C-alpha atoms as a PDB file:
ATOM      1  CA  MET A   1     -69.491  77.079 -26.599  1.00  0.00           C
ATOM      2  CA  PRO A   2     -69.413  78.719 -23.181  1.00  0.00           C
ATOM      3  CA  GLY A   3     -70.051  75.718 -20.992  1.00  0.00           C
ATOM      4  CA  GLY A   4     -70.997  73.829 -24.114  1.00  0.00           C
ATOM      5  CA  PHE A   5     -73.476  75.527 -26.400  1.00  0.00           C
ATOM      6  CA  CYS A   6     -72.419  76.439 -29.934  1.00  0.00           C
ATOM      7  CA  ILE A   7     -71.380  80.036 -30.268  1.00  0.00           C
ATOM      8  CA  PHE A   8     -71.786  79.958 -34.020  1.00  0.00           C
ATOM      9  CA  ARG A   9     -75.436  79.040 -33.803  1.00  0.00           C
ATOM     10  CA  GLU A  10     -76.109  82.334 -32.157  1.00  0.00           C
ATOM     11  CA  THR A  11     -76.965  85.661 -33.772  1.00  0.00           C
ATOM     12  CA  PRO A  12     -74.043  88.135 -33.683  1.00  0.00           C
ATOM     13  CA  MET A  13     -74.280  90.864 -31.084  1.00  0.00           C
ATOM     14  CA  SER A  14     -75.620  94.266 -31.988  1.00  0.00           C
ATOM     15  CA  ASP A  15     -73.416  97.344 -31.884  1.00  0.00           C
ATOM     16  CA  ASP A  16     -74.471  98.263 -28.330  1.00  0.00           C
ATOM     17  CA  ARG A  17     -72.294  95.341 -27.156  1.00  0.00           C
ATOM     18  CA  LYS A  18     -74.604  94.258 -24.350  1.00  0.00           C
ATOM     19  CA  PRO A  19     -73.562  90.872 -22.973  1.00  0.00           C
ATOM     20  CA  HIS A  20     -75.567  88.016 -24.415  1.00  0.00           C
ATOM     21  CA  PRO A  21     -77.758  86.302 -21.771  1.00  0.00           C
ATOM     22  CA  LEU A  22     -76.010  83.000 -22.500  1.00  0.00           C
ATOM     23  CA  ALA A  23     -72.697  84.553 -21.460  1.00  0.00           C
ATOM     24  CA  GLU A  24     -74.099  84.988 -17.965  1.00  0.00           C
ATOM     25  CA  ARG A  25     -75.507  81.473 -17.653  1.00  0.00           C
ATOM     26  CA  ARG A  26     -74.207  79.683 -14.541  1.00  0.00           C
ATOM     27  CA  VAL A  27     -73.931  76.040 -13.550  1.00  0.00           C
ATOM     28  CA  VAL A  28     -77.223  74.645 -12.214  1.00  0.00           C
ATOM     29  CA  TYR A  29     -75.495  73.325  -9.091  1.00  0.00           C
ATOM     30  CA  ALA A  30     -74.201  75.612  -6.337  1.00  0.00           C
ATOM     31  CA  MET A  31     -72.274  75.210  -3.091  1.00  0.00           C
ATOM     32  CA  PRO A  32     -71.963  77.464  -0.046  1.00  0.00           C
ATOM     33  CA  GLY A  33     -69.039  79.870  -0.242  1.00  0.00           C
ATOM     34  CA  MET A  34     -68.790  79.975  -4.045  1.00  0.00           C
ATOM     35  CA  ASP A  35     -69.049  83.739  -4.221  1.00  0.00           C
ATOM     36  CA  ALA A  36     -66.464  84.297  -1.494  1.00  0.00           C
ATOM     37  CA  VAL A  37     -63.450  82.487  -2.939  1.00  0.00           C
ATOM     38  CA  GLY A  38     -60.232  84.432  -3.409  1.00  0.00           C
ATOM     39  CA  ILE A  39     -59.343  85.314  -7.003  1.00  0.00           C
ATOM     40  CA  ARG A  40     -56.062  86.428  -8.508  1.00  0.00           C
ATOM     41  CA  ARG A  41     -57.088  88.184 -11.698  1.00  0.00           C
ATOM     42  CA  ASP A  42     -55.152  88.963 -14.862  1.00  0.00           C
ATOM     43  CA  GLU A  43     -51.987  87.013 -14.120  1.00  0.00           C
ATOM     44  CA  ARG A  44     -49.950  87.526 -17.278  1.00  0.00           C
ATOM     45  CA  TYR A  45     -48.727  84.339 -18.884  1.00  0.00           C
ATOM     46  CA  ARG A  46     -47.498  85.824 -22.165  1.00  0.00           C
ATOM     47  CA  MET A  47     -46.889  89.190 -23.787  1.00  0.00           C
ATOM     48  CA  THR A  48     -47.996  89.739 -27.376  1.00  0.00           C
ATOM     49  CA  ASP A  49     -47.940  92.680 -29.779  1.00  0.00           C
ATOM     50  CA  ALA A  50     -51.679  92.989 -29.233  1.00  0.00           C
ATOM     51  CA  GLY A  51     -51.355  93.042 -25.434  1.00  0.00           C
ATOM     52  CA  ASP A  52     -50.972  90.698 -22.491  1.00  0.00           C
ATOM     53  CA  LEU A  53     -52.574  87.276 -22.379  1.00  0.00           C
ATOM     54  CA  THR A  54     -53.763  86.602 -18.845  1.00  0.00           C
ATOM     55  CA  MET A  55     -55.307  83.997 -16.618  1.00  0.00           C
ATOM     56  CA  ASP A  56     -57.437  84.114 -13.468  1.00  0.00           C
ATOM     57  CA  ILE A  57     -56.806  81.835 -10.489  1.00  0.00           C
ATOM     58  CA  TYR A  58     -59.597  80.927  -8.048  1.00  0.00           C
ATOM     59  CA  TYR A  59     -58.262  79.747  -4.687  1.00  0.00           C
ATOM     60  CA  PRO A  60     -59.875  77.446  -2.114  1.00  0.00           C
ATOM     61  CA  PRO A  61     -61.208  79.257   0.968  1.00  0.00           C
ATOM     62  CA  GLY A  62     -58.486  79.716   3.555  1.00  0.00           C
ATOM     63  CA  SER A  63     -55.679  79.207   1.058  1.00  0.00           C
ATOM     64  CA  SER A  64     -52.822  81.514   2.031  1.00  0.00           C
ATOM     65  CA  GLY A  65     -50.503  80.791  -0.876  1.00  0.00           C
ATOM     66  CA  ALA A  66     -47.815  79.567   1.508  1.00  0.00           C
ATOM     67  CA  GLU A  67     -48.753  75.939   0.843  1.00  0.00           C
ATOM     68  CA  PRO A  68     -49.259  75.222  -2.882  1.00  0.00           C
ATOM     69  CA  VAL A  69     -52.579  73.588  -3.731  1.00  0.00           C
ATOM     70  CA  PRO A  70     -53.578  71.396  -6.677  1.00  0.00           C
ATOM     71  CA  ALA A  71     -55.365  73.050  -9.568  1.00  0.00           C
ATOM     72  CA  VAL A  72     -57.674  72.298 -12.462  1.00  0.00           C
ATOM     73  CA  LEU A  73     -57.293  74.099 -15.785  1.00  0.00           C
ATOM     74  CA  PHE A  74     -60.532  74.981 -17.588  1.00  0.00           C
ATOM     75  CA  LEU A  75     -59.371  74.414 -21.117  1.00  0.00           C
ATOM     76  CA  THR A  76     -60.833  76.082 -24.224  1.00  0.00           C
ATOM     77  CA  GLY A  77     -60.850  75.097 -27.878  1.00  0.00           C
ATOM     78  CA  PHE A  78     -62.037  78.270 -29.620  1.00  0.00           C
ATOM     79  CA  PRO A  79     -60.244  81.608 -30.049  1.00  0.00           C
ATOM     80  CA  ASP A  80     -61.660  84.231 -27.707  1.00  0.00           C
ATOM     81  CA  VAL A  81     -62.269  86.612 -30.608  1.00  0.00           C
ATOM     82  CA  GLY A  82     -65.262  84.488 -31.633  1.00  0.00           C
ATOM     83  CA  ALA A  83     -66.643  84.456 -28.111  1.00  0.00           C
ATOM     84  CA  GLU A  84     -66.256  88.211 -27.759  1.00  0.00           C
ATOM     85  CA  ARG A  85     -67.898  88.815 -31.125  1.00  0.00           C
ATOM     86  CA  MET A  86     -70.913  86.662 -30.282  1.00  0.00           C
ATOM     87  CA  PHE A  87     -71.227  87.152 -26.531  1.00  0.00           C
ATOM     88  CA  GLY A  88     -69.244  90.241 -25.595  1.00  0.00           C
ATOM     89  CA  ALA A  89     -66.965  88.305 -23.237  1.00  0.00           C
ATOM     90  CA  LYS A  90     -63.936  86.057 -23.243  1.00  0.00           C
ATOM     91  CA  PHE A  91     -64.612  82.474 -22.215  1.00  0.00           C
ATOM     92  CA  LYS A  92     -62.886  82.974 -18.863  1.00  0.00           C
ATOM     93  CA  ASP A  93     -65.328  85.760 -17.998  1.00  0.00           C
ATOM     94  CA  MET A  94     -68.513  83.887 -18.896  1.00  0.00           C
ATOM     95  CA  GLY A  95     -70.830  82.712 -16.163  1.00  0.00           C
ATOM     96  CA  SER A  96     -70.333  79.051 -17.036  1.00  0.00           C
ATOM     97  CA  PHE A  97     -66.556  79.121 -16.632  1.00  0.00           C
ATOM     98  CA  VAL A  98     -66.686  81.439 -13.614  1.00  0.00           C
ATOM     99  CA  SER A  99     -69.218  79.275 -11.761  1.00  0.00           C
ATOM    100  CA  TRP A 100     -67.375  76.033 -12.566  1.00  0.00           C
ATOM    101  CA  ALA A 101     -64.148  77.640 -11.332  1.00  0.00           C
ATOM    102  CA  ARG A 102     -65.818  78.734  -8.098  1.00  0.00           C
ATOM    103  CA  LEU A 103     -67.220  75.222  -7.601  1.00  0.00           C
ATOM    104  CA  ALA A 104     -63.741  73.746  -7.967  1.00  0.00           C
ATOM    105  CA  ALA A 105     -62.295  76.271  -5.526  1.00  0.00           C
ATOM    106  CA  VAL A 106     -64.827  75.563  -2.768  1.00  0.00           C
ATOM    107  CA  SER A 107     -64.122  71.863  -3.369  1.00  0.00           C
ATOM    108  CA  GLY A 108     -60.507  72.466  -2.310  1.00  0.00           C
ATOM    109  CA  ILE A 109     -58.921  72.775  -5.760  1.00  0.00           C
ATOM    110  CA  ALA A 110     -57.578  75.976  -7.293  1.00  0.00           C
ATOM    111  CA  ALA A 111     -59.188  76.739 -10.663  1.00  0.00           C
ATOM    112  CA  ILE A 112     -57.470  78.388 -13.604  1.00  0.00           C
ATOM    113  CA  THR A 113     -59.280  80.119 -16.456  1.00  0.00           C
ATOM    114  CA  TYR A 114     -57.485  82.038 -19.180  1.00  0.00           C
ATOM    115  CA  ALA A 115     -57.804  84.297 -22.191  1.00  0.00           C
ATOM    116  CA  ASN A 116     -56.381  83.284 -25.531  1.00  0.00           C
ATOM    117  CA  SER A 117     -55.669  84.622 -28.983  1.00  0.00           C
ATOM    118  CA  ASP A 118     -55.459  81.073 -30.315  1.00  0.00           C
ATOM    119  CA  PRO A 119     -56.434  77.740 -28.708  1.00  0.00           C
ATOM    120  CA  ALA A 120     -52.769  76.663 -28.901  1.00  0.00           C
ATOM    121  CA  ASP A 121     -52.007  79.308 -26.247  1.00  0.00           C
ATOM    122  CA  VAL A 122     -52.875  76.667 -23.660  1.00  0.00           C
ATOM    123  CA  ASP A 123     -49.301  75.386 -23.998  1.00  0.00           C
ATOM    124  CA  ASP A 124     -48.046  78.744 -22.754  1.00  0.00           C
ATOM    125  CA  VAL A 125     -50.525  78.645 -19.885  1.00  0.00           C
ATOM    126  CA  LEU A 126     -49.175  75.274 -18.798  1.00  0.00           C
ATOM    127  CA  ARG A 127     -45.595  76.444 -19.214  1.00  0.00           C
ATOM    128  CA  HIS A 128     -46.279  79.470 -17.003  1.00  0.00           C
ATOM    129  CA  ILE A 129     -47.911  77.307 -14.333  1.00  0.00           C
ATOM    130  CA  HIS A 130     -44.964  74.908 -14.271  1.00  0.00           C
ATOM    131  CA  GLN A 131     -42.447  77.751 -14.123  1.00  0.00           C
ATOM    132  CA  LYS A 132     -44.245  80.003 -11.639  1.00  0.00           C
ATOM    133  CA  GLY A 133     -46.454  77.545  -9.771  1.00  0.00           C
ATOM    134  CA  ALA A 134     -44.810  78.006  -6.369  1.00  0.00           C
ATOM    135  CA  SER A 135     -45.140  81.785  -6.461  1.00  0.00           C
ATOM    136  CA  LEU A 136     -48.753  81.432  -7.594  1.00  0.00           C
ATOM    137  CA  GLY A 137     -49.612  79.046  -4.762  1.00  0.00           C
ATOM    138  CA  ILE A 138     -50.191  76.161  -7.188  1.00  0.00           C
ATOM    139  CA  ASP A 139     -48.767  72.670  -6.956  1.00  0.00           C
ATOM    140  CA  SER A 140     -47.765  72.187 -10.590  1.00  0.00           C
ATOM    141  CA  ALA A 141     -47.272  68.458 -10.008  1.00  0.00           C
ATOM    142  CA  ARG A 142     -50.997  68.095  -9.280  1.00  0.00           C
ATOM    143  CA  LEU A 143     -52.821  69.573 -12.256  1.00  0.00           C
ATOM    144  CA  GLY A 144     -56.062  68.411 -13.797  1.00  0.00           C
ATOM    145  CA  VAL A 145     -57.996  69.441 -16.896  1.00  0.00           C
ATOM    146  CA  TRP A 146     -61.690  70.196 -17.354  1.00  0.00           C
ATOM    147  CA  SER A 147     -63.199  70.767 -20.777  1.00  0.00           C
ATOM    148  CA  CYS A 148     -66.486  70.343 -22.599  1.00  0.00           C
ATOM    149  CA  SER A 149     -68.210  70.143 -25.949  1.00  0.00           C
ATOM    150  CA  GLY A 150     -66.211  71.714 -28.795  1.00  0.00           C
ATOM    151  CA  HIS A 151     -63.448  72.689 -26.386  1.00  0.00           C
ATOM    152  CA  ALA A 152     -62.701  69.015 -25.723  1.00  0.00           C
ATOM    153  CA  PRO A 153     -60.779  68.104 -28.923  1.00  0.00           C
ATOM    154  CA  ASN A 154     -58.158  70.653 -27.895  1.00  0.00           C
ATOM    155  CA  ALA A 155     -58.118  69.123 -24.410  1.00  0.00           C
ATOM    156  CA  LEU A 156     -57.500  65.665 -25.875  1.00  0.00           C
ATOM    157  CA  ALA A 157     -54.562  67.054 -27.842  1.00  0.00           C
ATOM    158  CA  VAL A 158     -53.169  68.582 -24.632  1.00  0.00           C
ATOM    159  CA  LEU A 159     -53.483  65.243 -22.844  1.00  0.00           C
ATOM    160  CA  MET A 160     -51.567  63.586 -25.667  1.00  0.00           C
ATOM    161  CA  ARG A 161     -48.801  66.218 -25.502  1.00  0.00           C
ATOM    162  CA  HIS A 162     -48.574  66.794 -21.765  1.00  0.00           C
ATOM    163  CA  GLY A 163     -50.423  63.977 -20.037  1.00  0.00           C
ATOM    164  CA  ARG A 164     -47.292  62.134 -19.020  1.00  0.00           C
ATOM    165  CA  ALA A 165     -45.660  65.221 -17.548  1.00  0.00           C
ATOM    166  CA  GLY A 166     -47.612  66.944 -14.820  1.00  0.00           C
ATOM    167  CA  LEU A 167     -51.262  66.197 -15.514  1.00  0.00           C
ATOM    168  CA  ARG A 168     -53.059  63.946 -13.026  1.00  0.00           C
ATOM    169  CA  CYS A 169     -56.542  63.609 -14.529  1.00  0.00           C
ATOM    170  CA  ALA A 170     -59.050  65.060 -16.980  1.00  0.00           C
ATOM    171  CA  ALA A 171     -62.830  65.510 -16.959  1.00  0.00           C
ATOM    172  CA  LEU A 172     -64.680  66.004 -20.251  1.00  0.00           C
ATOM    173  CA  ALA A 173     -68.358  66.984 -20.258  1.00  0.00           C
ATOM    174  CA  TYR A 174     -70.534  66.171 -23.318  1.00  0.00           C
ATOM    175  CA  PRO A 175     -67.368  66.320 -25.425  1.00  0.00           C
ATOM    176  CA  TYR A 176     -66.627  66.185 -29.089  1.00  0.00           C
ATOM    177  CA  THR A 177     -63.766  63.702 -29.329  1.00  0.00           C
ATOM    178  CA  LEU A 178     -62.092  62.021 -32.329  1.00  0.00           C
ATOM    179  CA  ASP A 179     -63.083  60.648 -35.711  1.00  0.00           C
ATOM    180  CA  PHE A 180     -62.408  56.952 -36.243  1.00  0.00           C
ATOM    181  CA  GLY A 181     -62.053  55.051 -39.494  1.00  0.00           C
ATOM    182  CA  GLU A 182     -63.881  56.786 -42.330  1.00  0.00           C
ATOM    183  CA  SER A 183     -65.993  58.944 -40.035  1.00  0.00           C
ATOM    184  CA  THR A 184     -65.816  62.730 -40.448  1.00  0.00           C
ATOM    185  CA  ARG A 185     -68.423  63.692 -37.842  1.00  0.00           C
ATOM    186  CA  VAL A 186     -66.061  65.644 -35.597  1.00  0.00           C
ATOM    187  CA  ALA A 187     -64.293  67.292 -38.529  1.00  0.00           C
ATOM    188  CA  ALA A 188     -67.627  68.425 -39.965  1.00  0.00           C
ATOM    189  CA  ALA A 189     -68.732  69.858 -36.617  1.00  0.00           C
ATOM    190  CA  ALA A 190     -65.398  71.644 -36.208  1.00  0.00           C
ATOM    191  CA  LYS A 191     -65.850  73.252 -39.620  1.00  0.00           C
ATOM    192  CA  GLN A 192     -69.423  74.232 -38.812  1.00  0.00           C
ATOM    193  CA  PHE A 193     -68.831  75.643 -35.336  1.00  0.00           C
ATOM    194  CA  GLY A 194     -65.220  76.796 -35.452  1.00  0.00           C
ATOM    195  CA  PHE A 195     -63.446  74.710 -32.823  1.00  0.00           C
ATOM    196  CA  VAL A 196     -59.970  73.259 -33.336  1.00  0.00           C
ATOM    197  CA  THR A 197     -59.078  69.574 -33.662  1.00  0.00           C
ATOM    198  CA  PRO A 198     -55.292  69.384 -33.145  1.00  0.00           C
ATOM    199  CA  ALA A 199     -55.398  65.616 -32.508  1.00  0.00           C
ATOM    200  CA  ARG A 200     -57.408  64.761 -35.622  1.00  0.00           C
ATOM    201  CA  ALA A 201     -54.582  62.628 -37.057  1.00  0.00           C
ATOM    202  CA  ALA A 202     -53.716  60.981 -33.726  1.00  0.00           C
ATOM    203  CA  SER A 203     -54.850  57.613 -32.445  1.00  0.00           C
ATOM    204  CA  MET A 204     -56.153  56.509 -29.077  1.00  0.00           C
ATOM    205  CA  HIS A 205     -52.737  55.010 -28.401  1.00  0.00           C
ATOM    206  CA  SER A 206     -51.457  58.584 -27.985  1.00  0.00           C
ATOM    207  CA  LEU A 207     -53.509  59.063 -24.831  1.00  0.00           C
ATOM    208  CA  PRO A 208     -51.462  58.365 -21.693  1.00  0.00           C
ATOM    209  CA  ARG A 209     -52.460  54.981 -20.339  1.00  0.00           C
ATOM    210  CA  GLU A 210     -52.094  55.983 -16.701  1.00  0.00           C
ATOM    211  CA  LEU A 211     -54.143  59.221 -16.821  1.00  0.00           C
ATOM    212  CA  PRO A 212     -57.635  58.880 -15.267  1.00  0.00           C
ATOM    213  CA  LEU A 213     -60.282  60.268 -17.602  1.00  0.00           C
ATOM    214  CA  LEU A 214     -63.915  61.004 -16.806  1.00  0.00           C
ATOM    215  CA  VAL A 215     -66.436  61.444 -19.613  1.00  0.00           C
ATOM    216  CA  ALA A 216     -69.907  62.793 -18.870  1.00  0.00           C
ATOM    217  CA  ARG A 217     -72.321  61.833 -21.667  1.00  0.00           C
ATOM    218  CA  ALA A 218     -75.637  63.546 -22.355  1.00  0.00           C
ATOM    219  CA  GLY A 219     -78.048  60.903 -23.621  1.00  0.00           C
ATOM    220  CA  ARG A 220     -80.247  63.390 -25.494  1.00  0.00           C
ATOM    221  CA  ASP A 221     -77.407  65.447 -26.926  1.00  0.00           C
ATOM    222  CA  ASP A 222     -78.507  66.804 -30.294  1.00  0.00           C
ATOM    223  CA  MET A 223     -75.188  68.273 -31.415  1.00  0.00           C
ATOM    224  CA  PRO A 224     -74.448  66.815 -34.858  1.00  0.00           C
ATOM    225  CA  GLY A 225     -72.308  63.709 -34.669  1.00  0.00           C
ATOM    226  CA  LEU A 226     -71.243  64.257 -31.069  1.00  0.00           C
ATOM    227  CA  ASN A 227     -72.610  61.146 -29.393  1.00  0.00           C
ATOM    228  CA  GLU A 228     -71.827  58.943 -32.385  1.00  0.00           C
ATOM    229  CA  ALA A 229     -68.160  59.919 -32.105  1.00  0.00           C
ATOM    230  CA  LEU A 230     -68.213  59.824 -28.306  1.00  0.00           C
ATOM    231  CA  ASP A 231     -69.692  56.332 -28.164  1.00  0.00           C
ATOM    232  CA  ARG A 232     -66.964  55.033 -30.474  1.00  0.00           C
ATOM    233  CA  PHE A 233     -64.360  56.860 -28.350  1.00  0.00           C
ATOM    234  CA  VAL A 234     -65.603  55.067 -25.229  1.00  0.00           C
ATOM    235  CA  VAL A 235     -65.467  51.681 -26.980  1.00  0.00           C
ATOM    236  CA  GLU A 236     -61.918  52.341 -28.163  1.00  0.00           C
ATOM    237  CA  ALA A 237     -60.831  53.514 -24.697  1.00  0.00           C
ATOM    238  CA  LEU A 238     -62.190  50.376 -23.076  1.00  0.00           C
ATOM    239  CA  ALA A 239     -60.566  48.179 -25.721  1.00  0.00           C
ATOM    240  CA  LEU A 240     -57.229  49.700 -24.662  1.00  0.00           C
ATOM    241  CA  ASN A 241     -58.180  49.273 -20.995  1.00  0.00           C
ATOM    242  CA  LEU A 242     -57.657  52.981 -20.308  1.00  0.00           C
ATOM    243  CA  PRO A 243     -58.670  54.261 -16.840  1.00  0.00           C
ATOM    244  CA  LEU A 244     -61.988  55.658 -18.064  1.00  0.00           C
ATOM    245  CA  THR A 245     -64.956  56.641 -15.919  1.00  0.00           C
ATOM    246  CA  LEU A 246     -68.161  57.022 -17.933  1.00  0.00           C
ATOM    247  CA  VAL A 247     -71.055  58.957 -16.429  1.00  0.00           C
ATOM    248  CA  ASN A 248     -74.136  58.668 -18.629  1.00  0.00           C
ATOM    249  CA  GLN A 249     -77.048  61.002 -17.981  1.00  0.00           C
ATOM    250  CA  PRO A 250     -79.609  59.356 -20.300  1.00  0.00           C
ATOM    251  CA  ASP A 251     -82.216  62.134 -20.275  1.00  0.00           C
ATOM    252  CA  ALA A 252     -79.789  65.052 -20.397  1.00  0.00           C
ATOM    253  CA  PRO A 253     -79.482  67.560 -23.247  1.00  0.00           C
ATOM    254  CA  HIS A 254     -76.235  69.101 -24.429  1.00  0.00           C
ATOM    255  CA  ALA A 255     -74.809  71.496 -21.808  1.00  0.00           C
ATOM    256  CA  PHE A 256     -77.014  69.958 -19.131  1.00  0.00           C
ATOM    257  CA  ASP A 257     -74.850  71.579 -16.466  1.00  0.00           C
ATOM    258  CA  LEU A 258     -76.243  74.941 -17.595  1.00  0.00           C
ATOM    259  CA  PHE A 259     -79.740  74.179 -18.840  1.00  0.00           C
ATOM    260  CA  ASP A 260     -81.118  71.152 -16.992  1.00  0.00           C
ATOM    261  CA  GLU A 261     -82.230  71.936 -13.450  1.00  0.00           C
ATOM    262  CA  GLY A 262     -83.002  68.295 -12.683  1.00  0.00           C
ATOM    263  CA  THR A 263     -81.523  66.380  -9.785  1.00  0.00           C
ATOM    264  CA  ALA A 264     -79.684  63.985 -12.107  1.00  0.00           C
ATOM    265  CA  SER A 265     -77.756  66.776 -13.829  1.00  0.00           C
ATOM    266  CA  ARG A 266     -76.754  68.325 -10.519  1.00  0.00           C
ATOM    267  CA  GLN A 267     -75.580  64.888  -9.412  1.00  0.00           C
ATOM    268  CA  VAL A 268     -73.323  64.631 -12.473  1.00  0.00           C
ATOM    269  CA  VAL A 269     -71.755  67.972 -11.590  1.00  0.00           C
ATOM    270  CA  ARG A 270     -71.074  66.616  -8.100  1.00  0.00           C
ATOM    271  CA  GLN A 271     -69.561  63.451  -9.615  1.00  0.00           C
ATOM    272  CA  ILE A 272     -67.194  65.522 -11.754  1.00  0.00           C
ATOM    273  CA  LEU A 273     -66.093  67.527  -8.714  1.00  0.00           C
ATOM    274  CA  ALA A 274     -65.631  64.325  -6.683  1.00  0.00           C
ATOM    275  CA  PHE A 275     -63.529  62.838  -9.497  1.00  0.00           C
ATOM    276  CA  LEU A 276     -61.257  65.900  -9.481  1.00  0.00           C
ATOM    277  CA  GLN A 277     -60.986  65.779  -5.695  1.00  0.00           C
ATOM    278  CA  CYS A 278     -60.110  62.085  -5.749  1.00  0.00           C
ATOM    279  CA  HIS A 279     -57.226  62.494  -8.171  1.00  0.00           C
ATOM    280  CA  LEU A 280     -55.903  65.925  -7.205  1.00  0.00           C
ATOM    281  CA  LEU A 281     -56.301  66.084  -3.425  1.00  0.00           C
ATOM    282  CA  SER A 282     -54.900  62.654  -2.610  1.00  0.00           C
END
């Protein structure tokens, strides 16, 4: 789901390994200076027998590294092997993640994208940021999370594990969330599309009460069970009086940030960036 669409709905790549057009899809909103941000590529966060696992860091214009800046982590919920098989690229190298990262950087926030062998590798990414943040020019006490679609259940699990220690906020776009009661909508989608649900047995009480959370809902989302689960998630969050910001784009399809050129969708992208600025730059 680079930027949101389901990778397992797509036809596998042919042997010539040409990048799939969807892998190059960029966010429909753009800002001046996006293509000129500084990037630190292939920062190793863990060594494995199969090779290094790395992350890329996009820095705000004018950032020298001498003064650490806040950062947002673009968090994934699928193993990269599936993305490479279907699209010929890791998630961090797809146009959706690259353009979102550049948008964050020109908004004054460093952006971190990363490769994985397993979605649980995000814990090692966070560990590396907390240990090496100063040398990387990142303020590890001001970290946010961005995630979307089938990546979002892994993000929710991260918030439950780490939200009280170093995370300032999270933004979830058209996200799969949690199953409640007897519902199995999210579990069925995870089985169909291949994303992980580490928090499937957790409750809403496991979310940190003080962590601001933005949810961007696509009113015409046709992903199976997504909005049914999301709507219940919002109700449960409000019942607990969690600091939730709901942005509802009633006419938007799934992955509207990539496929809907309308003014309303671009406005939602701006709202997400403003939310991150509010909680990470203050």
